[in-house]
Amino acid sequence: MKASNIANWLIIFVLSIGILIWAKSLLIPLVLGIALMYLINAVDEWVSQLKIAGRGLPNWGYAIISTALIITTLVICFEIIIQSVNGLIENAPLYEANLEEKFDKVKGYFGYGDETTLSGLFNGSEVDLQAYFSQALAIVSGIASNFFLVVIYAMFLLAEQKQISMRIRNDLRYAAGGNR
């Protein structure tokens, strides 16, 4: 391979990585939206087997039921996680005291003297579990705030699901020299 070809591929690779990093705030919700669309389609297949009085619903009815089931489940999961992290934040002082007590019991086994403290192992900084739990809550809140964008992407992809494959097929045929 020539040096110019290697340089061109390297430039393309570096630019691609740069674009991916720059566009991650759009790409991550888009990828999650695609995953949510596939999940909704899978649940839709399962729900479409249900019959009411021996009759099925229209396809859009199954899609609405599937979407509602998935979104309700995800919202409940987020709520459970947020409540759990809030409970951890409230009880953090108890956990810190318990951690100090356990450390005092265990430090003798590893040859540490009485003057050694748990905060001393962390370069003199206090072990602040409440701050760690607050950071975890901020991360979960950030994910939950992006959830709305993910749902919008998934709904758009579901609405365009049938037409996208036809459009791509037509575009490929046109690019190959055929008629639209």
Protein backbone atom coordinates (compact mmCIF):
# COMPACT_ATOMS: atom_id res chain seq x y z
CA MET A 1 0.00 0.00 0.00
CA LYS A 2 1.34 3.43 -0.90
CA ALA A 3 2.15 5.96 1.78
CA SER A 4 -0.42 8.38 0.34
CA ASN A 5 -3.17 5.74 0.63
CA ILE A 6 -2.22 5.04 4.23
CA ALA A 7 -2.24 8.76 4.99
CA ASN A 8 -5.65 9.17 3.34
CA TRP A 9 -7.12 6.29 5.36
CA LEU A 10 -5.57 7.67 8.53
CA ILE A 11 -7.06 11.11 7.86
CA ILE A 12 -10.48 9.56 7.16
CA PHE A 13 -10.25 7.50 10.35
CA VAL A 14 -9.26 10.48 12.51
CA LEU A 15 -12.00 12.66 10.98
CA SER A 16 -14.57 9.89 11.51
CA ILE A 17 -13.62 9.56 15.17
CA GLY A 18 -13.74 13.34 15.55
CA ILE A 19 -17.19 13.53 13.95
CA LEU A 20 -18.45 10.70 16.17
CA ILE A 21 -17.18 12.45 19.30
CA TRP A 22 -18.60 15.78 18.16
CA ALA A 23 -22.01 14.28 17.29
CA LYS A 24 -22.32 11.92 20.27
CA SER A 25 -25.10 13.99 21.82
CA LEU A 26 -27.22 13.18 18.75
CA LEU A 27 -25.90 9.74 17.90
CA ILE A 28 -26.34 8.13 21.32
CA PRO A 29 -30.07 8.98 21.55
CA LEU A 30 -30.47 7.90 17.90
CA VAL A 31 -28.87 4.51 18.56
CA LEU A 32 -30.98 4.10 21.70
CA GLY A 33 -34.05 5.11 19.67
CA ILE A 34 -33.24 2.39 17.13
CA ALA A 35 -32.86 -0.13 19.98
CA LEU A 36 -36.18 1.03 21.45
CA MET A 37 -37.81 0.65 18.03
CA TYR A 38 -36.61 -2.96 17.80
CA LEU A 39 -37.83 -3.61 21.34
CA ILE A 40 -41.25 -2.15 20.51
CA ASN A 41 -41.40 -4.29 17.35
CA ALA A 42 -40.60 -7.43 19.38
CA VAL A 43 -43.29 -6.64 21.96
CA ASP A 44 -45.67 -5.77 19.11
CA GLU A 45 -45.20 -9.27 17.67
CA TRP A 46 -45.98 -10.77 21.06
CA VAL A 47 -48.99 -8.52 21.70
CA SER A 48 -50.40 -9.13 18.21
CA GLN A 49 -50.98 -12.77 19.18
CA LEU A 50 -53.56 -11.64 21.74
CA LYS A 51 -57.13 -11.78 20.57
CA ILE A 52 -60.10 -10.02 22.12
CA ALA A 53 -63.38 -11.92 21.69
CA GLY A 54 -61.67 -14.00 19.00
CA ARG A 55 -60.74 -10.93 16.97
CA GLY A 56 -57.52 -9.03 16.65
CA LEU A 57 -56.92 -5.31 16.80
CA PRO A 58 -55.71 -3.21 13.89
CA ASN A 59 -51.92 -2.98 13.56
CA TRP A 60 -51.88 0.55 14.95
CA GLY A 61 -53.73 -0.68 18.06
CA TYR A 62 -51.05 -3.27 18.73
CA ALA A 63 -48.37 -0.64 18.15
CA ILE A 64 -49.96 1.70 20.68
CA ILE A 65 -50.30 -1.06 23.27
CA SER A 66 -46.69 -2.18 22.73
CA THR A 67 -45.33 1.35 22.94
CA ALA A 68 -47.34 2.08 26.08
CA LEU A 69 -46.11 -1.13 27.74
CA ILE A 70 -42.45 -0.40 26.96
CA ILE A 71 -42.54 3.28 27.95
CA THR A 72 -44.48 2.52 31.15
CA THR A 73 -41.97 -0.18 32.07
CA LEU A 74 -39.00 2.12 31.41
CA VAL A 75 -40.54 4.99 33.39
CA ILE A 76 -41.22 2.65 36.33
CA CYS A 77 -37.62 1.38 36.17
CA PHE A 78 -36.26 4.95 36.15
CA GLU A 79 -38.50 5.83 39.09
CA ILE A 80 -37.30 2.81 41.08
CA ILE A 81 -33.66 3.66 40.37
CA ILE A 82 -34.13 7.32 41.32
CA GLN A 83 -35.92 6.39 44.57
CA SER A 84 -33.16 3.90 45.40
CA VAL A 85 -30.41 6.45 44.84
CA ASN A 86 -32.34 9.05 46.88
CA GLY A 87 -32.59 6.49 49.70
CA LEU A 88 -28.83 5.92 49.47
CA ILE A 89 -28.20 9.66 49.67
CA GLU A 90 -30.42 10.00 52.75
CA ASN A 91 -28.72 7.07 54.50
CA ALA A 92 -25.17 7.93 53.39
CA PRO A 93 -24.06 9.10 56.89
CA LEU A 94 -25.12 5.72 58.31
CA TYR A 95 -23.22 3.90 55.56
CA GLU A 96 -20.14 6.05 56.20
CA ALA A 97 -20.23 5.26 59.93
CA ASN A 98 -20.72 1.56 59.18
CA LEU A 99 -17.82 1.65 56.70
CA GLU A 100 -15.55 3.28 59.31
CA GLU A 101 -16.57 0.64 61.86
CA LYS A 102 -15.84 -2.22 59.44
CA PHE A 103 -12.53 -0.60 58.51
CA ASP A 104 -11.53 -0.38 62.18
CA LYS A 105 -12.22 -4.12 62.57
CA VAL A 106 -10.33 -5.13 59.43
CA LYS A 107 -7.27 -2.84 59.53
CA GLY A 108 -5.51 -4.99 62.12
CA TYR A 109 -5.48 -7.94 59.74
CA PHE A 110 -3.48 -5.94 57.19
CA GLY A 111 -0.93 -4.52 59.64
CA TYR A 112 -2.27 -1.01 59.99
CA GLY A 113 -2.02 0.65 63.38
CA ASP A 114 -4.65 2.52 65.37
CA GLU A 115 -3.52 5.84 63.91
CA THR A 116 -4.58 4.74 60.41
CA THR A 117 -7.97 6.03 59.34
CA LEU A 118 -10.10 5.34 56.35
CA SER A 119 -9.71 8.92 55.12
CA GLY A 120 -5.93 8.50 55.42
CA LEU A 121 -6.05 5.77 52.80
CA PHE A 122 -7.68 8.22 50.39
CA ASN A 123 -4.86 10.78 50.62
CA GLY A 124 -6.40 12.55 53.58
CA SER A 125 -9.71 13.32 51.90
CA GLU A 126 -12.91 12.38 53.65
CA VAL A 127 -14.91 9.46 52.35
CA ASP A 128 -18.07 11.25 51.33
CA LEU A 129 -20.56 8.62 50.17
CA GLN A 130 -23.27 11.25 49.93
CA ALA A 131 -21.28 13.04 47.20
CA TYR A 132 -20.78 9.77 45.29
CA PHE A 133 -24.47 8.94 45.52
CA SER A 134 -25.38 12.48 44.41
CA GLN A 135 -23.17 12.04 41.36
CA ALA A 136 -24.93 8.75 40.61
CA LEU A 137 -28.29 10.52 40.85
CA ALA A 138 -27.07 13.22 38.47
CA ILE A 139 -26.06 10.55 35.96
CA VAL A 140 -29.43 8.81 36.22
CA SER A 141 -31.21 12.16 35.87
CA GLY A 142 -29.18 12.94 32.75
CA ILE A 143 -30.13 9.60 31.24
CA ALA A 144 -33.79 10.21 32.11
CA SER A 145 -33.72 13.66 30.49
CA ASN A 146 -32.35 12.14 27.27
CA PHE A 147 -35.10 9.52 27.41
CA PHE A 148 -37.60 11.95 25.88
CA LEU A 149 -35.36 12.47 22.85
CA VAL A 150 -34.89 8.70 22.52
CA VAL A 151 -38.69 8.22 22.53
CA ILE A 152 -39.09 10.91 19.83
CA TYR A 153 -36.49 9.18 17.64
CA ALA A 154 -38.11 5.78 18.19
CA MET A 155 -41.59 7.11 17.32
CA PHE A 156 -40.24 8.70 14.13
CA LEU A 157 -38.44 5.49 13.16
CA LEU A 158 -41.56 3.43 13.83
CA ALA A 159 -43.68 5.78 11.72
CA GLU A 160 -41.19 5.65 8.83
CA GLN A 161 -40.23 2.00 9.20
CA LYS A 162 -42.06 0.72 6.10
CA GLN A 163 -41.18 3.69 3.88
CA ILE A 164 -37.46 3.81 4.75
CA SER A 165 -36.65 0.43 3.23
CA MET A 166 -38.60 1.32 0.07
CA ARG A 167 -36.82 4.69 -0.21
CA ILE A 168 -33.39 3.10 0.26
CA ARG A 169 -34.19 0.46 -2.38
CA ASN A 170 -35.31 3.18 -4.82
CA ASP A 171 -32.24 5.30 -4.12
CA LEU A 172 -29.93 2.34 -4.68
CA ARG A 173 -31.72 1.49 -7.93
CA TYR A 174 -31.44 5.13 -9.05
CA ALA A 175 -27.74 5.26 -8.11
CA ALA A 176 -27.18 2.13 -10.23
CA GLY A 177 -28.67 3.93 -13.23
CA GLY A 178 -32.28 2.82 -13.01
CA ASN A 179 -35.47 4.84 -12.91
CA ARG A 180 -37.08 6.01 -9.73
